[in-house]
Amino acid sequence: MQPSNMAYDRAITVFSPDGRLFQVEYAREAVKRGTTTVGLKYRDGVVLIVDKRITSRLIEPQSIEKMFQIDDHIGCATSGLVADARVLVDRARVDAQINEITFNRKIEIKTLVKRICDFKQTYTQYGGVRPFGTALLIAGVDDSGPRLFSTDPSGAMIEYKATSEGAGRDGVIAYFEKHYKEDIDKDEAIILGLKALSKGVEGKINPDAIEIGIVDSSRKFRKLSPEETKEYIKKALGGV
């Protein structure tokens, strides 16, 4: 950081002369240092895969939360600061329940993502706060079909067919650009996602650290059991 930029570096509400908010960019760096998450749509639903990055054999793998259920038909995976993600997930759950109580119907995926992003954006606009240092991949199925969104610390949102966040994003995206096809089934999607993840983490996959979530045409989000996950890893990578 150049000395002339230091004044803009210290305040979230001050733009630099070239139109940058440095604190937002630093929040994006927190995401880039986070664990690799993968999301991709298939014919009837969406798959989320996350590498929980277990750093010690003393850690209980199930105690690390990187994937959350927001509503019956919506799940998300996080990369970056998990504590920040929990705050956003809790708020999203409340928004989903308020919508159901008010309108007697499940919230649409895009509506929920917009509300999360609006909330994230307010933390880039006022003094005394900092941006959320997390990116969420939000997956679900509603009347419009399978949906997959990525949210940014700035409050931006983009819908994808397949994407990734975290440290291995570039490798995963490069693999998807070459191999992703829209009309695949659930098993093909999970295997493709695991192969892409292995590119993102340079082949260093620990089966105990991988978590897979799916939401399909039944509109029920669920996490696969460790046994199911290891079976898919074996199919995709031939055992690790």
Protein backbone atom coordinates (compact mmCIF):
# COMPACT_ATOMS: atom_id res chain seq x y z
CA MET A 1 0.00 0.00 0.00
CA GLN A 2 1.40 3.38 -1.05
CA PRO A 3 1.66 5.98 1.77
CA SER A 4 -0.63 8.33 -0.20
CA ASN A 5 -3.40 5.74 0.04
CA MET A 6 -3.27 5.31 3.82
CA ALA A 7 -6.03 7.85 4.54
CA TYR A 8 -8.44 5.96 2.28
CA ASP A 9 -7.30 2.67 3.80
CA ARG A 10 -8.54 3.58 7.28
CA ALA A 11 -12.18 4.47 6.57
CA ILE A 12 -14.89 2.35 4.97
CA THR A 13 -16.88 5.41 3.87
CA VAL A 14 -14.10 7.17 1.92
CA PHE A 15 -13.40 6.41 -1.72
CA SER A 16 -9.83 6.62 -2.95
CA PRO A 17 -9.18 8.95 -5.92
CA ASP A 18 -9.38 5.97 -8.28
CA GLY A 19 -12.79 4.94 -6.93
CA ARG A 20 -11.84 2.10 -4.59
CA LEU A 21 -13.05 1.14 -1.12
CA PHE A 22 -10.01 -0.53 0.34
CA GLN A 23 -11.81 -2.17 3.27
CA VAL A 24 -14.14 -3.95 0.83
CA GLU A 25 -11.14 -5.16 -1.14
CA TYR A 26 -9.52 -6.44 2.06
CA ALA A 27 -12.74 -8.32 2.86
CA ARG A 28 -12.48 -9.97 -0.56
CA GLU A 29 -8.95 -11.02 0.36
CA ALA A 30 -10.36 -12.75 3.47
CA VAL A 31 -12.62 -14.73 1.12
CA LYS A 32 -9.71 -15.63 -1.16
CA ARG A 33 -7.82 -17.03 1.84
CA GLY A 34 -10.81 -19.10 2.93
CA THR A 35 -11.52 -22.74 2.23
CA THR A 36 -12.60 -23.75 -1.27
CA THR A 37 -16.32 -24.06 -1.91
CA VAL A 38 -17.91 -25.41 -5.08
CA GLY A 39 -21.44 -25.12 -6.43
CA LEU A 40 -22.99 -26.39 -9.66
CA LYS A 41 -26.44 -26.89 -11.09
CA TYR A 42 -27.60 -30.14 -12.64
CA ARG A 43 -30.78 -31.23 -14.40
CA ASP A 44 -33.05 -31.26 -11.34
CA GLY A 45 -31.15 -29.43 -8.62
CA VAL A 46 -27.95 -27.97 -7.24
CA VAL A 47 -24.88 -29.47 -5.55
CA LEU A 48 -22.71 -27.68 -2.98
CA ILE A 49 -19.30 -29.04 -1.96
CA VAL A 50 -16.98 -27.57 0.65
CA ASP A 51 -13.50 -28.45 1.85
CA LYS A 52 -13.48 -27.80 5.61
CA ARG A 53 -9.67 -27.79 5.71
CA ILE A 54 -8.98 -29.76 8.90
CA THR A 55 -5.60 -28.56 10.16
CA SER A 56 -5.09 -30.99 13.04
CA ARG A 57 -6.00 -34.60 13.76
CA LEU A 58 -7.20 -33.38 17.17
CA ILE A 59 -10.13 -31.49 15.61
CA GLU A 60 -13.55 -33.14 15.46
CA PRO A 61 -14.51 -32.73 11.77
CA GLN A 62 -18.24 -32.37 12.48
CA SER A 63 -17.56 -29.33 14.68
CA ILE A 64 -16.44 -27.27 11.67
CA GLU A 65 -19.45 -25.67 10.02
CA LYS A 66 -19.02 -24.41 6.47
CA MET A 67 -22.39 -25.49 5.06
CA PHE A 68 -25.77 -24.40 6.41
CA GLN A 69 -29.44 -25.03 5.76
CA ILE A 70 -31.38 -21.76 5.50
CA ASP A 71 -34.85 -23.13 4.71
CA ASP A 72 -36.25 -26.49 3.60
CA HIS A 73 -35.39 -25.70 -0.03
CA ILE A 74 -32.28 -23.52 0.42
CA GLY A 75 -28.73 -24.24 1.56
CA CYS A 76 -25.47 -22.33 1.45
CA ALA A 77 -21.74 -22.87 1.68
CA THR A 78 -19.34 -20.25 2.98
CA SER A 79 -15.79 -19.22 2.30
CA GLY A 80 -14.00 -16.66 4.46
CA LEU A 81 -14.82 -15.77 8.07
CA VAL A 82 -17.23 -18.41 9.36
CA ALA A 83 -18.41 -16.24 12.27
CA ASP A 84 -19.49 -13.57 9.78
CA ALA A 85 -21.28 -16.22 7.75
CA ARG A 86 -23.25 -17.41 10.79
CA VAL A 87 -24.63 -13.90 11.32
CA LEU A 88 -25.78 -13.75 7.70
CA VAL A 89 -27.27 -17.26 7.83
CA ASP A 90 -29.21 -16.45 11.00
CA ARG A 91 -30.61 -13.33 9.37
CA ALA A 92 -31.48 -15.24 6.19
CA ARG A 93 -33.34 -17.87 8.22
CA VAL A 94 -35.43 -15.16 9.88
CA ASP A 95 -36.20 -13.54 6.51
CA ALA A 96 -37.27 -16.91 5.10
CA GLN A 97 -39.60 -17.59 8.04
CA ILE A 98 -41.10 -14.08 7.95
CA ASN A 99 -41.86 -14.52 4.25
CA GLU A 100 -43.59 -17.85 4.87
CA ILE A 101 -45.66 -16.48 7.76
CA THR A 102 -46.61 -13.33 5.83
CA PHE A 103 -47.36 -14.81 2.41
CA ASN A 104 -47.97 -18.49 3.29
CA ARG A 105 -45.37 -19.63 0.76
CA LYS A 106 -41.68 -20.44 0.65
CA ILE A 107 -39.41 -17.55 -0.21
CA GLU A 108 -37.97 -17.41 -3.74
CA ILE A 109 -34.22 -17.96 -3.92
CA LYS A 110 -33.45 -14.69 -5.70
CA THR A 111 -35.57 -12.69 -3.24
CA LEU A 112 -33.66 -14.10 -0.29
CA VAL A 113 -30.27 -13.53 -1.92
CA LYS A 114 -31.20 -9.90 -2.63
CA ARG A 115 -32.10 -9.37 1.02
CA ILE A 116 -28.80 -10.85 2.18
CA CYS A 117 -26.87 -8.69 -0.28
CA ASP A 118 -28.78 -5.54 0.72
CA PHE A 119 -27.79 -6.23 4.32
CA LYS A 120 -24.14 -6.81 3.34
CA GLN A 121 -24.14 -3.59 1.32
CA THR A 122 -25.13 -1.47 4.33
CA TYR A 123 -21.89 -2.56 5.99
CA THR A 124 -19.94 -0.84 3.21
CA GLN A 125 -21.73 2.48 3.56
CA TYR A 126 -21.57 3.61 7.20
CA GLY A 127 -18.77 4.48 9.59
CA GLY A 128 -18.04 2.35 12.63
CA VAL A 129 -18.66 -0.97 10.87
CA ARG A 130 -16.65 -3.26 8.62
CA PRO A 131 -17.71 -5.37 5.61
CA PHE A 132 -18.57 -9.03 6.10
CA GLY A 133 -15.45 -11.04 5.27
CA THR A 134 -17.34 -13.92 3.74
CA ALA A 135 -18.81 -15.02 0.42
CA LEU A 136 -21.84 -17.29 0.35
CA LEU A 137 -22.77 -19.75 -2.37
CA ILE A 138 -26.55 -20.00 -2.04
CA ALA A 139 -28.36 -22.90 -3.70
CA GLY A 140 -32.02 -23.80 -3.91
CA VAL A 141 -34.96 -24.90 -6.02
CA ASP A 142 -38.15 -22.86 -6.40
CA ASP A 143 -40.87 -22.37 -9.03
CA SER A 144 -38.28 -21.07 -11.48
CA GLY A 145 -36.13 -24.21 -11.11
CA PRO A 146 -32.64 -24.77 -9.67
CA ARG A 147 -30.81 -21.55 -8.73
CA LEU A 148 -27.21 -20.91 -7.68
CA PHE A 149 -25.98 -17.50 -6.53
CA SER A 150 -22.69 -16.13 -5.28
CA THR A 151 -22.63 -13.14 -2.92
CA ASP A 152 -19.71 -10.76 -2.52
CA PRO A 153 -18.57 -8.75 0.57
CA SER A 154 -19.61 -5.60 -1.32
CA GLY A 155 -23.20 -6.82 -1.52
CA ALA A 156 -23.02 -7.80 -5.18
CA MET A 157 -24.74 -10.99 -6.37
CA ILE A 158 -24.27 -13.08 -9.50
CA GLU A 159 -26.17 -16.17 -10.63
CA TYR A 160 -24.09 -19.06 -11.96
CA LYS A 161 -24.42 -22.46 -13.58
CA ALA A 162 -21.25 -23.52 -11.79
CA THR A 163 -18.83 -21.54 -9.66
CA SER A 164 -16.46 -21.54 -6.71
CA GLU A 165 -15.19 -19.30 -3.92
CA GLY A 166 -12.11 -19.42 -1.72
CA ALA A 167 -8.45 -20.20 -2.12
CA GLY A 168 -8.82 -22.67 -5.00
CA ARG A 169 -11.35 -20.71 -7.05
CA ASP A 170 -9.20 -20.19 -10.14
CA GLY A 171 -8.42 -23.89 -10.52
CA VAL A 172 -12.05 -24.91 -10.05
CA ILE A 173 -13.37 -22.33 -12.53
CA ALA A 174 -10.79 -23.37 -15.13
CA TYR A 175 -11.91 -27.01 -14.76
CA PHE A 176 -15.61 -26.09 -15.04
CA GLU A 177 -14.97 -23.99 -18.16
CA LYS A 178 -13.64 -27.12 -19.89
CA HIS A 179 -15.86 -29.85 -18.50
CA TYR A 180 -19.19 -28.49 -17.22
CA LYS A 181 -22.38 -29.47 -19.08
CA GLU A 182 -25.87 -28.37 -18.14
CA ASP A 183 -27.83 -31.56 -18.79
CA ILE A 184 -26.17 -33.84 -16.24
CA ASP A 185 -27.71 -35.83 -13.41
CA LYS A 186 -27.02 -35.64 -9.68
CA ASP A 187 -24.31 -38.30 -9.57
CA GLU A 188 -22.48 -36.78 -12.54
CA ALA A 189 -22.68 -33.34 -10.94
CA ILE A 190 -21.24 -34.52 -7.62
CA ILE A 191 -18.40 -36.36 -9.33
CA LEU A 192 -17.66 -33.35 -11.57
CA GLY A 193 -17.71 -31.04 -8.54
CA LEU A 194 -15.27 -33.26 -6.63
CA LYS A 195 -12.91 -33.43 -9.60
CA ALA A 196 -13.04 -29.64 -9.90
CA LEU A 197 -12.41 -29.27 -6.17
CA SER A 198 -9.36 -31.52 -6.43
CA LYS A 199 -7.95 -29.09 -9.03
CA GLY A 200 -8.62 -26.19 -6.70
CA VAL A 201 -6.81 -27.79 -3.76
CA GLU A 202 -4.11 -29.32 -5.97
CA GLY A 203 -5.26 -32.87 -5.36
CA LYS A 204 -4.89 -32.66 -1.58
CA ILE A 205 -8.35 -33.91 -0.62
CA ASN A 206 -8.99 -35.27 2.85
CA PRO A 207 -12.23 -37.34 2.67
CA ASP A 208 -13.01 -36.46 6.30
CA ALA A 209 -12.90 -32.75 5.44
CA ILE A 210 -15.32 -32.82 2.50
CA GLU A 211 -18.99 -31.98 2.95
CA ILE A 212 -21.61 -32.29 0.21
CA GLY A 213 -25.10 -30.80 0.18
CA ILE A 214 -27.82 -31.21 -2.43
CA VAL A 215 -31.22 -29.71 -3.11
CA ASP A 216 -33.32 -31.30 -5.84
CA SER A 217 -36.80 -31.22 -7.36
CA SER A 218 -38.26 -32.41 -4.05
CA ARG A 219 -37.19 -28.96 -2.72
CA LYS A 220 -35.49 -30.49 0.28
CA PHE A 221 -31.93 -29.51 1.09
CA ARG A 222 -29.85 -32.18 2.79
CA LYS A 223 -26.23 -32.93 3.56
CA LEU A 224 -24.86 -36.29 2.50
CA SER A 225 -23.65 -38.61 5.24
CA PRO A 226 -19.87 -39.13 5.63
CA GLU A 227 -20.29 -42.63 4.18
CA GLU A 228 -22.07 -41.32 1.07
CA THR A 229 -19.49 -38.58 0.67
CA LYS A 230 -16.56 -41.00 0.84
CA GLU A 231 -18.25 -43.27 -1.72
CA TYR A 232 -18.56 -40.36 -4.17
CA ILE A 233 -14.93 -39.37 -3.55
CA LYS A 234 -13.87 -42.91 -4.34
CA LYS A 235 -15.85 -42.82 -7.60
CA ALA A 236 -14.52 -39.41 -8.59
CA LEU A 237 -10.88 -39.72 -7.56
CA GLY A 238 -10.37 -43.44 -7.19
CA GLY A 239 -9.68 -43.18 -3.47
CA VAL A 240 -7.47 -40.57 -1.83
